[in-house]
Amino acid sequence: MLEIAVLGLLKEQPLHGYELKKRLSDTLGFLWGVSYGSLYPALRRLEREGAIAVVVPAAESPGFAATGSLKGDLAAARRAGPRPAKPSRRARKAYRITEVGEARFAELLLADERYPDEEKAFALKLAFCAELPPAARLALLERRRTALVARLDQSRRTPGTRTDRYNLSLAEHRTRSTQRDLEWVEGLIAAEVAETPVTGTPASGTPASGTPASGTPVSEAPVSEVPGAAAPDAADPGSPKVQEGATR
């Protein structure tokens, strides 16, 4: 899971080890502590895989131009003032994400795999959910909803073996926490669906099904336009009015 966090932060901007650790602690502090002992091995592994690369700093220009004379160089050095302290290798070694890393990051976010701690894994993926397309975000949230529904059903159908009031209260607390998480995820799903454009809507100017191109529904078309229907004023030779006119 640390790979997701590292790649996600480097996708935003290049960072060196100290900055990366601080950002990881700020982002994931509520999940777990990140130490240099776990961070730097992960960075070296990602670098070997080509997912990240070291940012090569620009060459530093000398503080003054050499004059070829010892006295002149000393005078120029005094005019330039004290040179800044050279930063340590660790402070200068910044990392950036590569195309391979971006593909790996998307793959990890989209992967539907089991983690030892599903709570941390979901929270981590949700923290970088903005990097996913809408359909993938919705799929992630729906998988979480399915897992919570199953957990809630299991907790309600399987009573605990210890029935003292403390254990019963603890079981009830877990059930209510799962219910709140489920309501929260369903709210996220509803918001995601509301923001997703609806596909399949007829294009502008295209008549809906059952409506002719003129815009007049079939049920409202004039009788004379319906095949097989006689005009209302058509004369029938056998009608009484026609026969009466012929007699006159």
Protein backbone atom coordinates (compact mmCIF):
# COMPACT_ATOMS: atom_id res chain seq x y z
CA MET A 1 0.00 0.00 0.00
CA LEU A 2 2.96 2.31 0.53
CA GLU A 3 3.63 2.19 -3.22
CA ILE A 4 0.20 3.71 -3.92
CA ALA A 5 0.91 6.58 -1.54
CA VAL A 6 4.42 7.26 -2.87
CA LEU A 7 3.38 7.18 -6.52
CA GLY A 8 0.29 9.27 -5.82
CA LEU A 9 2.28 12.04 -4.14
CA LEU A 10 5.04 12.00 -6.78
CA LYS A 11 2.35 12.26 -9.44
CA GLU A 12 1.51 15.66 -8.00
CA GLN A 13 5.11 16.95 -7.93
CA PRO A 14 8.72 15.76 -7.51
CA LEU A 15 9.77 15.40 -3.88
CA HIS A 16 12.92 14.43 -2.03
CA GLY A 17 13.01 11.93 0.80
CA TYR A 18 12.36 14.30 3.70
CA GLU A 19 9.51 16.13 1.93
CA LEU A 20 8.02 12.83 0.84
CA LYS A 21 8.06 11.44 4.37
CA LYS A 22 6.41 14.59 5.71
CA ARG A 23 3.70 14.52 3.04
CA LEU A 24 3.12 10.82 3.67
CA SER A 25 2.74 11.46 7.39
CA ASP A 26 0.32 14.33 6.71
CA THR A 27 -1.71 12.26 4.26
CA LEU A 28 -1.55 8.86 5.93
CA GLY A 29 -0.87 9.76 9.53
CA PHE A 30 -4.34 8.65 10.49
CA LEU A 31 -3.60 5.26 8.93
CA TRP A 32 -0.05 4.35 9.92
CA GLY A 33 3.31 5.86 10.68
CA VAL A 34 5.87 6.01 7.86
CA SER A 35 9.52 5.62 8.82
CA TYR A 36 12.66 6.12 6.76
CA GLY A 37 13.30 2.41 7.29
CA SER A 38 10.23 1.59 5.17
CA LEU A 39 10.28 4.61 2.85
CA TYR A 40 13.77 4.38 1.36
CA PRO A 41 13.61 0.65 0.54
CA ALA A 42 10.31 1.35 -1.23
CA LEU A 43 11.91 4.22 -3.17
CA ARG A 44 14.85 2.04 -4.22
CA ARG A 45 12.51 -0.72 -5.33
CA LEU A 46 10.35 1.66 -7.38
CA GLU A 47 13.49 3.17 -8.91
CA ARG A 48 14.76 -0.28 -9.95
CA GLU A 49 11.39 -1.03 -11.54
CA GLY A 50 11.53 2.24 -13.49
CA ALA A 51 8.42 3.63 -11.79
CA ILE A 52 10.30 6.64 -10.42
CA ALA A 53 13.52 8.41 -11.35
CA VAL A 54 15.95 10.71 -9.60
CA VAL A 55 15.65 14.35 -10.57
CA VAL A 56 19.07 15.52 -11.76
CA PRO A 57 19.71 19.02 -10.35
CA ALA A 58 20.93 21.75 -12.67
CA ALA A 59 24.68 22.34 -12.61
CA GLU A 60 25.61 25.05 -10.15
CA SER A 61 27.47 28.01 -11.57
CA PRO A 62 30.64 29.06 -9.76
CA GLY A 63 30.37 31.91 -7.29
CA PHE A 64 32.91 34.02 -9.21
CA ALA A 65 34.95 33.91 -12.39
CA ALA A 66 38.58 32.87 -12.05
CA THR A 67 41.06 35.59 -12.95
CA GLY A 68 44.20 33.47 -13.24
CA SER A 69 45.82 35.42 -10.44
CA LEU A 70 45.89 34.26 -6.82
CA LYS A 71 45.39 37.79 -5.51
CA GLY A 72 42.63 38.42 -8.04
CA ASP A 73 40.83 35.17 -7.13
CA LEU A 74 41.01 36.00 -3.44
CA ALA A 75 39.58 39.44 -4.07
CA ALA A 76 36.78 38.02 -6.22
CA ALA A 77 35.98 35.42 -3.56
CA ARG A 78 35.72 38.12 -0.92
CA ARG A 79 33.39 40.15 -3.12
CA ALA A 80 31.19 37.09 -3.79
CA GLY A 81 30.78 36.45 -0.08
CA PRO A 82 30.58 33.09 1.65
CA ARG A 83 29.35 30.22 -0.53
CA PRO A 84 26.24 28.41 0.67
CA ALA A 85 26.81 25.11 2.40
CA LYS A 86 26.67 22.17 0.05
CA PRO A 87 23.49 20.20 0.72
CA SER A 88 23.75 16.56 1.63
CA ARG A 89 23.16 13.88 -0.97
CA ARG A 90 19.93 12.84 0.72
CA ALA A 91 18.56 16.40 0.68
CA ARG A 92 19.37 16.83 -3.04
CA LYS A 93 18.00 13.46 -4.16
CA ALA A 94 14.51 14.26 -5.34
CA TYR A 95 12.29 11.77 -7.14
CA ARG A 96 9.75 12.13 -9.90
CA ILE A 97 7.20 9.68 -11.31
CA THR A 98 7.76 8.18 -14.78
CA GLU A 99 5.30 6.96 -17.40
CA VAL A 100 5.86 3.45 -16.08
CA GLY A 101 5.04 4.73 -12.60
CA GLU A 102 1.85 6.44 -13.74
CA ALA A 103 0.66 3.22 -15.35
CA ARG A 104 1.58 1.29 -12.21
CA PHE A 105 -0.26 3.83 -10.04
CA ALA A 106 -3.46 3.48 -12.09
CA GLU A 107 -3.14 -0.30 -12.00
CA LEU A 108 -2.82 -0.33 -8.20
CA LEU A 109 -5.81 1.97 -7.74
CA LEU A 110 -8.00 -0.12 -10.04
CA ALA A 111 -6.88 -3.51 -8.71
CA ASP A 112 -9.63 -5.46 -6.94
CA GLU A 113 -7.41 -7.46 -4.61
CA ARG A 114 -7.47 -8.40 -0.97
CA TYR A 115 -5.33 -6.52 1.53
CA PRO A 116 -4.45 -7.50 5.10
CA ASP A 117 -6.21 -4.34 6.28
CA GLU A 118 -9.14 -3.50 4.03
CA GLU A 119 -9.98 -0.37 6.02
CA LYS A 120 -6.58 1.20 5.37
CA ALA A 121 -6.53 0.08 1.75
CA PHE A 122 -9.90 1.66 0.99
CA ALA A 123 -9.03 4.90 2.81
CA LEU A 124 -5.76 5.13 0.88
CA LYS A 125 -7.41 4.57 -2.49
CA LEU A 126 -10.14 7.04 -1.64
CA ALA A 127 -7.50 9.66 -0.82
CA PHE A 128 -6.30 9.46 -4.46
CA CYS A 129 -9.72 8.76 -5.96
CA ALA A 130 -9.65 12.03 -7.90
CA GLU A 131 -7.00 10.46 -10.16
CA LEU A 132 -9.49 7.84 -11.38
CA PRO A 133 -12.06 8.22 -14.17
CA PRO A 134 -15.72 8.45 -13.03
CA ALA A 135 -16.56 4.84 -13.91
CA ALA A 136 -13.59 3.52 -11.94
CA ARG A 137 -14.45 5.71 -8.94
CA LEU A 138 -17.99 4.37 -8.97
CA ALA A 139 -16.75 0.77 -9.21
CA LEU A 140 -14.44 1.31 -6.21
CA LEU A 141 -17.28 2.74 -4.12
CA GLU A 142 -19.70 -0.02 -5.12
CA ARG A 143 -17.19 -2.71 -4.16
CA ARG A 144 -16.86 -1.06 -0.77
CA ARG A 145 -20.63 -0.94 -0.38
CA THR A 146 -20.89 -4.65 -1.19
CA ALA A 147 -18.26 -5.47 1.42
CA LEU A 148 -20.03 -3.38 4.08
CA VAL A 149 -23.42 -4.92 3.33
CA ALA A 150 -21.93 -8.41 3.71
CA ARG A 151 -20.24 -7.43 6.96
CA LEU A 152 -23.44 -5.93 8.34
CA ASP A 153 -25.45 -9.02 7.41
CA GLN A 154 -22.85 -11.27 9.01
CA SER A 155 -22.82 -9.31 12.26
CA ARG A 156 -26.60 -9.46 12.52
CA ARG A 157 -26.91 -13.15 11.75
CA THR A 158 -24.03 -14.38 13.89
CA PRO A 159 -24.45 -13.60 17.58
CA GLY A 160 -21.38 -13.61 19.77
CA THR A 161 -20.64 -16.39 22.21
CA ARG A 162 -20.20 -13.96 25.11
CA THR A 163 -23.48 -12.43 26.19
CA ASP A 164 -22.52 -10.11 29.04
CA ARG A 165 -23.62 -6.53 28.59
CA TYR A 166 -20.12 -5.26 27.78
CA ASN A 167 -19.60 -7.65 24.89
CA LEU A 168 -23.14 -7.09 23.68
CA SER A 169 -22.53 -3.33 23.77
CA LEU A 170 -19.28 -3.76 21.86
CA ALA A 171 -21.00 -5.86 19.19
CA GLU A 172 -23.75 -3.27 18.87
CA HIS A 173 -21.14 -0.54 18.53
CA ARG A 174 -19.43 -2.40 15.67
CA THR A 175 -22.77 -2.91 13.94
CA ARG A 176 -23.65 0.76 14.20
CA SER A 177 -20.20 1.78 12.95
CA THR A 178 -20.63 -0.46 9.92
CA GLN A 179 -24.08 1.00 9.32
CA ARG A 180 -22.69 4.55 9.44
CA ASP A 181 -19.89 3.62 7.04
CA LEU A 182 -22.45 2.11 4.69
CA GLU A 183 -24.58 5.27 4.77
CA TRP A 184 -21.47 7.37 4.11
CA VAL A 185 -20.43 5.26 1.12
CA GLU A 186 -23.96 5.30 -0.27
CA GLY A 187 -23.87 9.09 -0.05
CA LEU A 188 -20.61 9.14 -2.01
CA ILE A 189 -22.15 6.85 -4.63
CA ALA A 190 -25.23 9.07 -4.95
CA ALA A 191 -23.02 12.14 -5.42
CA GLU A 192 -20.89 10.33 -8.00
CA VAL A 193 -23.95 9.22 -9.96
CA ALA A 194 -25.40 12.74 -9.87
CA GLU A 195 -22.18 14.16 -11.34
CA THR A 196 -21.82 11.48 -14.04
CA PRO A 197 -23.26 12.53 -17.43
CA VAL A 198 -26.22 10.39 -18.53
CA THR A 199 -25.54 8.51 -21.76
CA GLY A 200 -28.15 7.43 -24.29
CA THR A 201 -30.05 10.74 -24.36
CA PRO A 202 -31.38 11.52 -27.87
CA ALA A 203 -29.36 14.17 -29.65
CA SER A 204 -30.79 17.64 -30.14
CA GLY A 205 -33.31 17.68 -33.00
CA THR A 206 -33.69 13.89 -33.04
CA PRO A 207 -37.34 12.90 -32.51
CA ALA A 208 -38.09 10.53 -29.68
CA SER A 209 -39.46 7.06 -30.33
CA GLY A 210 -43.07 7.16 -31.54
CA THR A 211 -42.84 10.75 -32.84
CA PRO A 212 -42.51 11.50 -36.55
CA ALA A 213 -39.90 13.90 -37.85
CA SER A 214 -42.45 16.70 -38.06
CA GLY A 215 -42.82 16.59 -34.29
CA THR A 216 -46.50 15.50 -34.34
CA PRO A 217 -47.16 12.28 -32.41
CA VAL A 218 -48.84 9.47 -34.36
CA SER A 219 -51.76 9.46 -31.95
CA GLU A 220 -52.41 13.16 -32.74
CA ALA A 221 -52.04 12.97 -36.53
CA PRO A 222 -55.14 13.98 -38.61
CA VAL A 223 -57.43 11.08 -39.48
CA SER A 224 -56.91 11.70 -43.20
CA GLU A 225 -53.19 11.05 -42.77
CA VAL A 226 -53.71 7.64 -41.16
CA PRO A 227 -53.60 4.87 -43.82
CA GLY A 228 -56.97 3.15 -44.38
CA ALA A 229 -59.04 5.87 -42.72
CA ALA A 230 -61.69 7.69 -44.76
CA ALA A 231 -61.97 11.46 -44.74
CA PRO A 232 -64.82 12.67 -42.52
CA ASP A 233 -66.57 14.57 -45.38
CA ALA A 234 -66.22 11.89 -48.09
CA ALA A 235 -69.54 11.30 -49.92
CA ASP A 236 -70.93 7.77 -49.77
CA PRO A 237 -73.20 7.00 -52.78
CA GLY A 238 -75.31 4.76 -50.61
CA SER A 239 -75.91 7.24 -47.85
CA PRO A 240 -79.49 8.62 -47.32
CA LYS A 241 -78.39 12.22 -47.97
CA VAL A 242 -77.00 11.35 -51.41
CA GLN A 243 -80.12 9.40 -52.39
CA GLU A 244 -82.39 12.28 -51.21
CA GLY A 245 -80.47 14.77 -53.38
CA ALA A 246 -80.73 12.48 -56.41
CA THR A 247 -84.54 12.21 -56.02
CA ARG A 248 -84.89 15.97 -55.98
